[in-house]
PDB file of N, CA and C in Angstrom:
ATOM      1  N   MET A   1       1.412 -34.966-136.420  1.00  0.00           N
ATOM      2  CA  MET A   1       1.974 -35.818-135.410  1.00  0.00           C
ATOM      3  C   MET A   1       2.494 -37.116-136.036  1.00  0.00           C
ATOM      4  N   ARG A   2       1.823 -37.636-137.036  1.00  0.00           N
ATOM      5  CA  ARG A   2       2.239 -38.885-137.660  1.00  0.00           C
ATOM      6  C   ARG A   2       3.631 -38.747-138.272  1.00  0.00           C
ATOM      7  N   ALA A   3       3.914 -37.606-138.879  1.00  0.00           N
ATOM      8  CA  ALA A   3       5.224 -37.394-139.484  1.00  0.00           C
ATOM      9  C   ALA A   3       6.330 -37.416-138.429  1.00  0.00           C
ATOM     10  N   LYS A   4       6.065 -36.839-137.253  1.00  0.00           N
ATOM     11  CA  LYS A   4       7.053 -36.842-136.175  1.00  0.00           C
ATOM     12  C   LYS A   4       7.342 -38.266-135.700  1.00  0.00           C
ATOM     13  N   VAL A   5       6.302 -39.065-135.608  1.00  0.00           N
ATOM     14  CA  VAL A   5       6.474 -40.454-135.180  1.00  0.00           C
ATOM     15  C   VAL A   5       7.287 -41.222-136.218  1.00  0.00           C
ATOM     16  N   GLU A   6       6.977 -41.013-137.496  1.00  0.00           N
ATOM     17  CA  GLU A   6       7.703 -41.705-138.557  1.00  0.00           C
ATOM     18  C   GLU A   6       9.177 -41.315-138.571  1.00  0.00           C
ATOM     19  N   VAL A   7       9.471 -40.055-138.325  1.00  0.00           N
ATOM     20  CA  VAL A   7      10.863 -39.609-138.257  1.00  0.00           C
ATOM     21  C   VAL A   7      11.566 -40.253-137.066  1.00  0.00           C
ATOM     22  N   GLY A   8      10.893 -40.323-135.940  1.00  0.00           N
ATOM     23  CA  GLY A   8      11.470 -40.954-134.764  1.00  0.00           C
ATOM     24  C   GLY A   8      11.775 -42.431-134.991  1.00  0.00           C
ATOM     25  N   VAL A   9      10.870 -43.126-135.662  1.00  0.00           N
ATOM     26  CA  VAL A   9      11.087 -44.536-135.978  1.00  0.00           C
ATOM     27  C   VAL A   9      12.264 -44.679-136.938  1.00  0.00           C
ATOM     28  N   ARG A  10      12.351 -43.784-137.923  1.00  0.00           N
ATOM     29  CA  ARG A  10      13.456 -43.835-138.892  1.00  0.00           C
ATOM     30  C   ARG A  10      14.799 -43.612-138.203  1.00  0.00           C
ATOM     31  N   ILE A  11      14.843 -42.693-137.256  1.00  0.00           N
ATOM     32  CA  ILE A  11      16.085 -42.422-136.515  1.00  0.00           C
ATOM     33  C   ILE A  11      16.505 -43.666-135.735  1.00  0.00           C
ATOM     34  N   ALA A  12      15.561 -44.280-135.022  1.00  0.00           N
ATOM     35  CA  ALA A  12      15.865 -45.483-134.241  1.00  0.00           C
ATOM     36  C   ALA A  12      16.292 -46.625-135.161  1.00  0.00           C
ATOM     37  N   GLN A  13      15.587 -46.791-136.262  1.00  0.00           N
ATOM     38  CA  GLN A  13      15.911 -47.869-137.202  1.00  0.00           C
ATOM     39  C   GLN A  13      17.318 -47.706-137.766  1.00  0.00           C
ATOM     40  N   ARG A  14      17.674 -46.525-138.202  1.00  0.00           N
ATOM     41  CA  ARG A  14      19.007 -46.297-138.752  1.00  0.00           C
ATOM     42  C   ARG A  14      20.086 -46.493-137.702  1.00  0.00           C
ATOM     43  N   TRP A  15      19.838 -46.027-136.493  1.00  0.00           N
ATOM     44  CA  TRP A  15      20.820 -46.147-135.420  1.00  0.00           C
ATOM     45  C   TRP A  15      21.086 -47.612-135.109  1.00  0.00           C
ATOM     46  N   ILE A  16      20.016 -48.399-135.007  1.00  0.00           N
ATOM     47  CA  ILE A  16      20.157 -49.823-134.693  1.00  0.00           C
ATOM     48  C   ILE A  16      20.791 -50.579-135.862  1.00  0.00           C
ATOM     49  N   LEU A  17      20.318 -50.337-137.081  1.00  0.00           N
ATOM     50  CA  LEU A  17      20.867 -51.046-138.234  1.00  0.00           C
ATOM     51  C   LEU A  17      22.343 -50.728-138.456  1.00  0.00           C
ATOM     52  N   ALA A  18      22.755 -49.519-138.154  1.00  0.00           N
ATOM     53  CA  ALA A  18      24.169 -49.155-138.311  1.00  0.00           C
ATOM     54  C   ALA A  18      25.042 -49.992-137.375  1.00  0.00           C
ATOM     55  N   ARG A  19      24.542 -50.296-136.191  1.00  0.00           N
ATOM     56  CA  ARG A  19      25.319 -51.089-135.245  1.00  0.00           C
ATOM     57  C   ARG A  19      25.268 -52.585-135.540  1.00  0.00           C
ATOM     58  N   LEU A  20      24.260 -53.018-136.280  1.00  0.00           N
ATOM     59  CA  LEU A  20      24.140 -54.428-136.637  1.00  0.00           C
ATOM     60  C   LEU A  20      24.837 -54.768-137.961  1.00  0.00           C
ATOM     61  N   ARG A  21      25.244 -53.757-138.690  1.00  0.00           N
ATOM     62  CA  ARG A  21      25.724 -53.919-140.062  1.00  0.00           C
ATOM     63  C   ARG A  21      26.808 -54.989-140.217  1.00  0.00           C
ATOM     64  N   ASN A  22      27.806 -55.006-139.389  1.00  0.00           N
ATOM     65  CA  ASN A  22      28.939 -55.917-139.554  1.00  0.00           C
ATOM     66  C   ASN A  22      28.908 -57.109-138.597  1.00  0.00           C
ATOM     67  N   GLN A  23      27.740 -57.401-138.054  1.00  0.00           N
ATOM     68  CA  GLN A  23      27.625 -58.528-137.134  1.00  0.00           C
ATOM     69  C   GLN A  23      26.925 -59.691-137.819  1.00  0.00           C
ATOM     70  N   THR A  24      27.260 -60.906-137.401  1.00  0.00           N
ATOM     71  CA  THR A  24      26.637 -62.112-137.937  1.00  0.00           C
ATOM     72  C   THR A  24      25.917 -62.821-136.799  1.00  0.00           C
ATOM     73  N   PHE A  25      24.694 -63.277-137.071  1.00  0.00           N
ATOM     74  CA  PHE A  25      23.888 -63.951-136.065  1.00  0.00           C
ATOM     75  C   PHE A  25      23.552 -65.349-136.555  1.00  0.00           C
ATOM     76  N   ILE A  26      23.621 -66.321-135.654  1.00  0.00           N
ATOM     77  CA  ILE A  26      23.363 -67.701-136.048  1.00  0.00           C
ATOM     78  C   ILE A  26      21.908 -68.105-135.818  1.00  0.00           C
ATOM     79  N   SER A  27      21.159 -67.257-135.116  1.00  0.00           N
ATOM     80  CA  SER A  27      19.741 -67.557-134.906  1.00  0.00           C
ATOM     81  C   SER A  27      18.945 -66.261-134.825  1.00  0.00           C
ATOM     82  N   LEU A  28      17.661 -66.391-135.066  1.00  0.00           N
ATOM     83  CA  LEU A  28      16.765 -65.241-134.975  1.00  0.00           C
ATOM     84  C   LEU A  28      16.660 -64.753-133.537  1.00  0.00           C
ATOM     85  N   ASP A  29      16.724 -65.678-132.589  1.00  0.00           N
ATOM     86  CA  ASP A  29      16.676 -65.296-131.167  1.00  0.00           C
ATOM     87  C   ASP A  29      17.875 -64.421-130.789  1.00  0.00           C
ATOM     88  N   ALA A  30      19.043 -64.768-131.304  1.00  0.00           N
ATOM     89  CA  ALA A  30      20.249 -63.974-131.021  1.00  0.00           C
ATOM     90  C   ALA A  30      20.111 -62.575-131.606  1.00  0.00           C
ATOM     91  N   LEU A  31      19.564 -62.484-132.810  1.00  0.00           N
ATOM     92  CA  LEU A  31      19.344 -61.178-133.441  1.00  0.00           C
ATOM     93  C   LEU A  31      18.336 -60.359-132.639  1.00  0.00           C
ATOM     94  N   ASN A  32      17.234 -60.979-132.237  1.00  0.00           N
ATOM     95  CA  ASN A  32      16.212 -60.280-131.458  1.00  0.00           C
ATOM     96  C   ASN A  32      16.758 -59.796-130.117  1.00  0.00           C
ATOM     97  N   ASP A  33      17.585 -60.614-129.476  1.00  0.00           N
ATOM     98  CA  ASP A  33      18.189 -60.208-128.203  1.00  0.00           C
ATOM     99  C   ASP A  33      19.091 -58.989-128.398  1.00  0.00           C
ATOM    100  N   ARG A  34      19.871 -59.000-129.473  1.00  0.00           N
ATOM    101  CA  ARG A  34      20.776 -57.871-129.746  1.00  0.00           C
ATOM    102  C   ARG A  34      19.985 -56.605-130.057  1.00  0.00           C
ATOM    103  N   ILE A  35      18.907 -56.738-130.825  1.00  0.00           N
ATOM    104  CA  ILE A  35      18.059 -55.578-131.135  1.00  0.00           C
ATOM    105  C   ILE A  35      17.433 -55.024-129.860  1.00  0.00           C
ATOM    106  N   ALA A  36      16.985 -55.894-128.978  1.00  0.00           N
ATOM    107  CA  ALA A  36      16.401 -55.448-127.708  1.00  0.00           C
ATOM    108  C   ALA A  36      17.436 -54.683-126.880  1.00  0.00           C
ATOM    109  N   ASP A  37      18.665 -55.188-126.844  1.00  0.00           N
ATOM    110  CA  ASP A  37      19.736 -54.491-126.116  1.00  0.00           C
ATOM    111  C   ASP A  37      20.008 -53.113-126.719  1.00  0.00           C
ATOM    112  N   LEU A  38      20.075 -53.060-128.037  1.00  0.00           N
ATOM    113  CA  LEU A  38      20.344 -51.782-128.703  1.00  0.00           C
ATOM    114  C   LEU A  38      19.185 -50.807-128.526  1.00  0.00           C
ATOM    115  N   LEU A  39      17.961 -51.298-128.536  1.00  0.00           N
ATOM    116  CA  LEU A  39      16.802 -50.435-128.334  1.00  0.00           C
ATOM    117  C   LEU A  39      16.810 -49.840-126.932  1.00  0.00           C
ATOM    118  N   GLU A  40      17.190 -50.654-125.959  1.00  0.00           N
ATOM    119  CA  GLU A  40      17.300 -50.154-124.587  1.00  0.00           C
ATOM    120  C   GLU A  40      18.395 -49.083-124.495  1.00  0.00           C
ATOM    121  N   GLU A  41      19.518 -49.332-125.162  1.00  0.00           N
ATOM    122  CA  GLU A  41      20.610 -48.346-125.185  1.00  0.00           C
ATOM    123  C   GLU A  41      20.166 -47.058-125.879  1.00  0.00           C
ATOM    124  N   PHE A  42      19.436 -47.193-126.992  1.00  0.00           N
ATOM    125  CA  PHE A  42      18.938 -46.029-127.731  1.00  0.00           C
ATOM    126  C   PHE A  42      17.975 -45.212-126.867  1.00  0.00           C
ATOM    127  N   SER A  43      17.107 -45.894-126.128  1.00  0.00           N
ATOM    128  CA  SER A  43      16.144 -45.210-125.271  1.00  0.00           C
ATOM    129  C   SER A  43      16.813 -44.490-124.108  1.00  0.00           C
ATOM    130  N   GLY A  44      17.992 -44.935-123.730  1.00  0.00           N
ATOM    131  CA  GLY A  44      18.726 -44.314-122.636  1.00  0.00           C
ATOM    132  C   GLY A  44      19.577 -43.125-123.046  1.00  0.00           C
ATOM    133  N   ARG A  45      19.687 -42.894-124.355  1.00  0.00           N
ATOM    134  CA  ARG A  45      20.472 -41.750-124.832  1.00  0.00           C
ATOM    135  C   ARG A  45      19.706 -40.448-124.584  1.00  0.00           C
ATOM    136  N   THR A  46      20.428 -39.388-124.305  1.00  0.00           N
ATOM    137  CA  THR A  46      19.805 -38.088-124.046  1.00  0.00           C
ATOM    138  C   THR A  46      19.440 -37.404-125.363  1.00  0.00           C
ATOM    139  N   MET A  47      18.185 -36.942-125.440  1.00  0.00           N
ATOM    140  CA  MET A  47      17.742 -36.184-126.610  1.00  0.00           C
ATOM    141  C   MET A  47      18.214 -34.742-126.441  1.00  0.00           C
ATOM    142  N   ARG A  48      18.756 -34.165-127.482  1.00  0.00           N
ATOM    143  CA  ARG A  48      19.302 -32.807-127.389  1.00  0.00           C
ATOM    144  C   ARG A  48      18.231 -31.767-127.078  1.00  0.00           C
ATOM    145  N   VAL A  49      17.123 -31.836-127.771  1.00  0.00           N
ATOM    146  CA  VAL A  49      16.086 -30.803-127.628  1.00  0.00           C
ATOM    147  C   VAL A  49      15.426 -30.846-126.253  1.00  0.00           C
ATOM    148  N   TYR A  50      15.131 -32.061-125.771  1.00  0.00           N
ATOM    149  CA  TYR A  50      14.401 -32.199-124.516  1.00  0.00           C
ATOM    150  C   TYR A  50      15.311 -32.336-123.300  1.00  0.00           C
ATOM    151  N   ARG A  51      16.607 -32.566-123.533  1.00  0.00           N
ATOM    152  CA  ARG A  51      17.586 -32.744-122.458  1.00  0.00           C
ATOM    153  C   ARG A  51      17.171 -33.854-121.488  1.00  0.00           C
ATOM    154  N   ALA A  52      16.587 -34.897-122.030  1.00  0.00           N
ATOM    155  CA  ALA A  52      16.158 -36.042-121.229  1.00  0.00           C
ATOM    156  C   ALA A  52      16.229 -37.286-122.108  1.00  0.00           C
ATOM    157  N   THR A  53      16.181 -38.447-121.488  1.00  0.00           N
ATOM    158  CA  THR A  53      16.169 -39.686-122.256  1.00  0.00           C
ATOM    159  C   THR A  53      14.747 -40.020-122.677  1.00  0.00           C
ATOM    160  N   ARG A  54      14.620 -40.842-123.692  1.00  0.00           N
ATOM    161  CA  ARG A  54      13.296 -41.270-124.137  1.00  0.00           C
ATOM    162  C   ARG A  54      12.610 -42.107-123.070  1.00  0.00           C
ATOM    163  N   ALA A  55      13.386 -42.759-122.237  1.00  0.00           N
ATOM    164  CA  ALA A  55      12.828 -43.630-121.206  1.00  0.00           C
ATOM    165  C   ALA A  55      12.405 -42.871-119.951  1.00  0.00           C
ATOM    166  N   SER A  56      12.791 -41.619-119.817  1.00  0.00           N
ATOM    167  CA  SER A  56      12.488 -40.884-118.585  1.00  0.00           C
ATOM    168  C   SER A  56      11.035 -40.397-118.560  1.00  0.00           C
ATOM    169  N   PRO A  57      10.415 -40.401-117.401  1.00  0.00           N
ATOM    170  CA  PRO A  57       9.033 -39.923-117.275  1.00  0.00           C
ATOM    171  C   PRO A  57       8.888 -38.443-117.639  1.00  0.00           C
ATOM    172  N   ALA A  58       9.910 -37.645-117.357  1.00  0.00           N
ATOM    173  CA  ALA A  58       9.835 -36.216-117.679  1.00  0.00           C
ATOM    174  C   ALA A  58       9.746 -36.001-119.176  1.00  0.00           C
ATOM    175  N   ALA A  59      10.513 -36.746-119.947  1.00  0.00           N
ATOM    176  CA  ALA A  59      10.468 -36.619-121.401  1.00  0.00           C
ATOM    177  C   ALA A  59       9.124 -37.082-121.936  1.00  0.00           C
ATOM    178  N   ALA A  60       8.582 -38.142-121.371  1.00  0.00           N
ATOM    179  CA  ALA A  60       7.280 -38.635-121.801  1.00  0.00           C
ATOM    180  C   ALA A  60       6.202 -37.582-121.558  1.00  0.00           C
ATOM    181  N   ALA A  61       6.252 -36.906-120.420  1.00  0.00           N
ATOM    182  CA  ALA A  61       5.263 -35.862-120.118  1.00  0.00           C
ATOM    183  C   ALA A  61       5.364 -34.704-121.094  1.00  0.00           C
ATOM    184  N   VAL A  62       6.573 -34.301-121.441  1.00  0.00           N
ATOM    185  CA  VAL A  62       6.767 -33.200-122.387  1.00  0.00           C
ATOM    186  C   VAL A  62       6.270 -33.604-123.761  1.00  0.00           C
ATOM    187  N   LEU A  63       6.584 -34.810-124.195  1.00  0.00           N
ATOM    188  CA  LEU A  63       6.150 -35.260-125.516  1.00  0.00           C
ATOM    189  C   LEU A  63       4.641 -35.360-125.601  1.00  0.00           C
ATOM    190  N   VAL A  64       3.996 -35.829-124.537  1.00  0.00           N
ATOM    191  CA  VAL A  64       2.534 -35.927-124.533  1.00  0.00           C
ATOM    192  C   VAL A  64       1.921 -34.538-124.604  1.00  0.00           C
ATOM    193  N   ARG A  65       2.454 -33.589-123.829  1.00  0.00           N
ATOM    194  CA  ARG A  65       1.933 -32.218-123.874  1.00  0.00           C
ATOM    195  C   ARG A  65       2.151 -31.605-125.245  1.00  0.00           C
ATOM    196  N   ALA A  66       3.309 -31.836-125.839  1.00  0.00           N
ATOM    197  CA  ALA A  66       3.637 -31.229-127.134  1.00  0.00           C
ATOM    198  C   ALA A  66       2.767 -31.793-128.239  1.00  0.00           C
ATOM    199  N   GLU A  67       2.402 -33.067-128.159  1.00  0.00           N
ATOM    200  CA  GLU A  67       1.645 -33.694-129.229  1.00  0.00           C
ATOM    201  C   GLU A  67       0.157 -33.772-128.929  1.00  0.00           C
ATOM    202  N   GLY A  68      -0.249 -33.426-127.719  1.00  0.00           N
ATOM    203  CA  GLY A  68      -1.640 -33.552-127.318  1.00  0.00           C
ATOM    204  C   GLY A  68      -2.598 -32.740-128.150  1.00  0.00           C
ATOM    205  N   ASP A  69      -2.252 -31.504-128.468  1.00  0.00           N
ATOM    206  CA  ASP A  69      -3.160 -30.659-129.242  1.00  0.00           C
ATOM    207  C   ASP A  69      -2.685 -30.459-130.679  1.00  0.00           C
ATOM    208  N   GLY A  70      -1.657 -31.199-131.093  1.00  0.00           N
ATOM    209  CA  GLY A  70      -1.160 -31.074-132.452  1.00  0.00           C
ATOM    210  C   GLY A  70      -0.199 -29.919-132.636  1.00  0.00           C
ATOM    211  N   GLU A  71       0.006 -29.136-131.602  1.00  0.00           N
ATOM    212  CA  GLU A  71       0.898 -27.988-131.662  1.00  0.00           C
ATOM    213  C   GLU A  71       2.147 -28.281-130.845  1.00  0.00           C
ATOM    214  N   ALA A  72       3.250 -27.677-131.226  1.00  0.00           N
ATOM    215  CA  ALA A  72       4.484 -27.830-130.454  1.00  0.00           C
ATOM    216  C   ALA A  72       4.357 -27.047-129.155  1.00  0.00           C
ATOM    217  N   ALA A  73       4.891 -27.595-128.101  1.00  0.00           N
ATOM    218  CA  ALA A  73       4.867 -26.910-126.816  1.00  0.00           C
ATOM    219  C   ALA A  73       5.780 -25.694-126.876  1.00  0.00           C
ATOM    220  N   PRO A  74       5.372 -24.548-126.298  1.00  0.00           N
ATOM    221  CA  PRO A  74       6.221 -23.365-126.344  1.00  0.00           C
ATOM    222  C   PRO A  74       7.543 -23.573-125.621  1.00  0.00           C
ATOM    223  N   ASP A  75       7.542 -24.355-124.542  1.00  0.00           N
ATOM    224  CA  ASP A  75       8.760 -24.646-123.814  1.00  0.00           C
ATOM    225  C   ASP A  75       8.928 -26.157-123.806  1.00  0.00           C
ATOM    226  N   ALA A  76       9.844 -26.670-124.629  1.00  0.00           N
ATOM    227  CA  ALA A  76       9.982 -28.107-124.817  1.00  0.00           C
ATOM    228  C   ALA A  76      10.891 -28.757-123.783  1.00  0.00           C
ATOM    229  N   ARG A  77      11.283 -28.016-122.750  1.00  0.00           N
ATOM    230  CA  ARG A  77      12.140 -28.605-121.734  1.00  0.00           C
ATOM    231  C   ARG A  77      11.312 -29.456-120.782  1.00  0.00           C
ATOM    232  N   PRO A  78      11.884 -30.524-120.242  1.00  0.00           N
ATOM    233  CA  PRO A  78      11.143 -31.335-119.272  1.00  0.00           C
ATOM    234  C   PRO A  78      10.890 -30.531-118.002  1.00  0.00           C
ATOM    235  N   PRO A  79       9.864 -30.889-117.241  1.00  0.00           N
ATOM    236  CA  PRO A  79       9.530 -30.131-116.028  1.00  0.00           C
ATOM    237  C   PRO A  79      10.694 -30.007-115.051  1.00  0.00           C
ATOM    238  N   SER A  80      11.563 -31.009-114.959  1.00  0.00           N
ATOM    239  CA  SER A  80      12.680 -30.937-114.030  1.00  0.00           C
ATOM    240  C   SER A  80      13.704 -29.871-114.429  1.00  0.00           C
ATOM    241  N   ALA A  81      13.702 -29.471-115.719  1.00  0.00           N
ATOM    242  CA  ALA A  81      14.659 -28.470-116.181  1.00  0.00           C
ATOM    243  C   ALA A  81      14.046 -27.068-116.196  1.00  0.00           C
ATOM    244  N   THR A  82      12.749 -26.953-115.881  1.00  0.00           N
ATOM    245  CA  THR A  82      12.072 -25.672-115.893  1.00  0.00           C
ATOM    246  C   THR A  82      12.310 -24.946-114.566  1.00  0.00           C
ATOM    247  N   ILE A  83      12.628 -23.678-114.661  1.00  0.00           N
ATOM    248  CA  ILE A  83      12.882 -22.866-113.467  1.00  0.00           C
ATOM    249  C   ILE A  83      11.631 -22.071-113.145  1.00  0.00           C
ATOM    250  N   SER A  84      11.155 -22.162-111.917  1.00  0.00           N
ATOM    251  CA  SER A  84       9.968 -21.438-111.498  1.00  0.00           C
ATOM    252  C   SER A  84      10.391 -20.225-110.691  1.00  0.00           C
ATOM    253  N   LEU A  85       9.820 -19.062-111.008  1.00  0.00           N
ATOM    254  CA  LEU A  85      10.138 -17.817-110.310  1.00  0.00           C
ATOM    255  C   LEU A  85       8.897 -17.294-109.598  1.00  0.00           C
ATOM    256  N   LYS A  86       8.285 -18.107-108.770  1.00  0.00           N
ATOM    257  CA  LYS A  86       7.057 -17.707-108.069  1.00  0.00           C
ATOM    258  C   LYS A  86       7.365 -16.888-106.844  1.00  0.00           C
TER     259      LYS A  86
END
């Protein structure tokens, strides 16, 4: 599980740093505000595998189930995307 978290942090870090690369900031507060905006934008992007955003409750539930026992969930789709045939 630790490796998955580290990969996720690396993805977010690279995405944010790529957008900050050619910008100049006159204060640390301005930089922090821009990073916060980009982090919010990053969290709102749809993840391909889970078909949900990182900020959505459905994605959080799937990630918790997938990482809860150290094993990947057999069906990694969020509950809203699961079809029930009862």
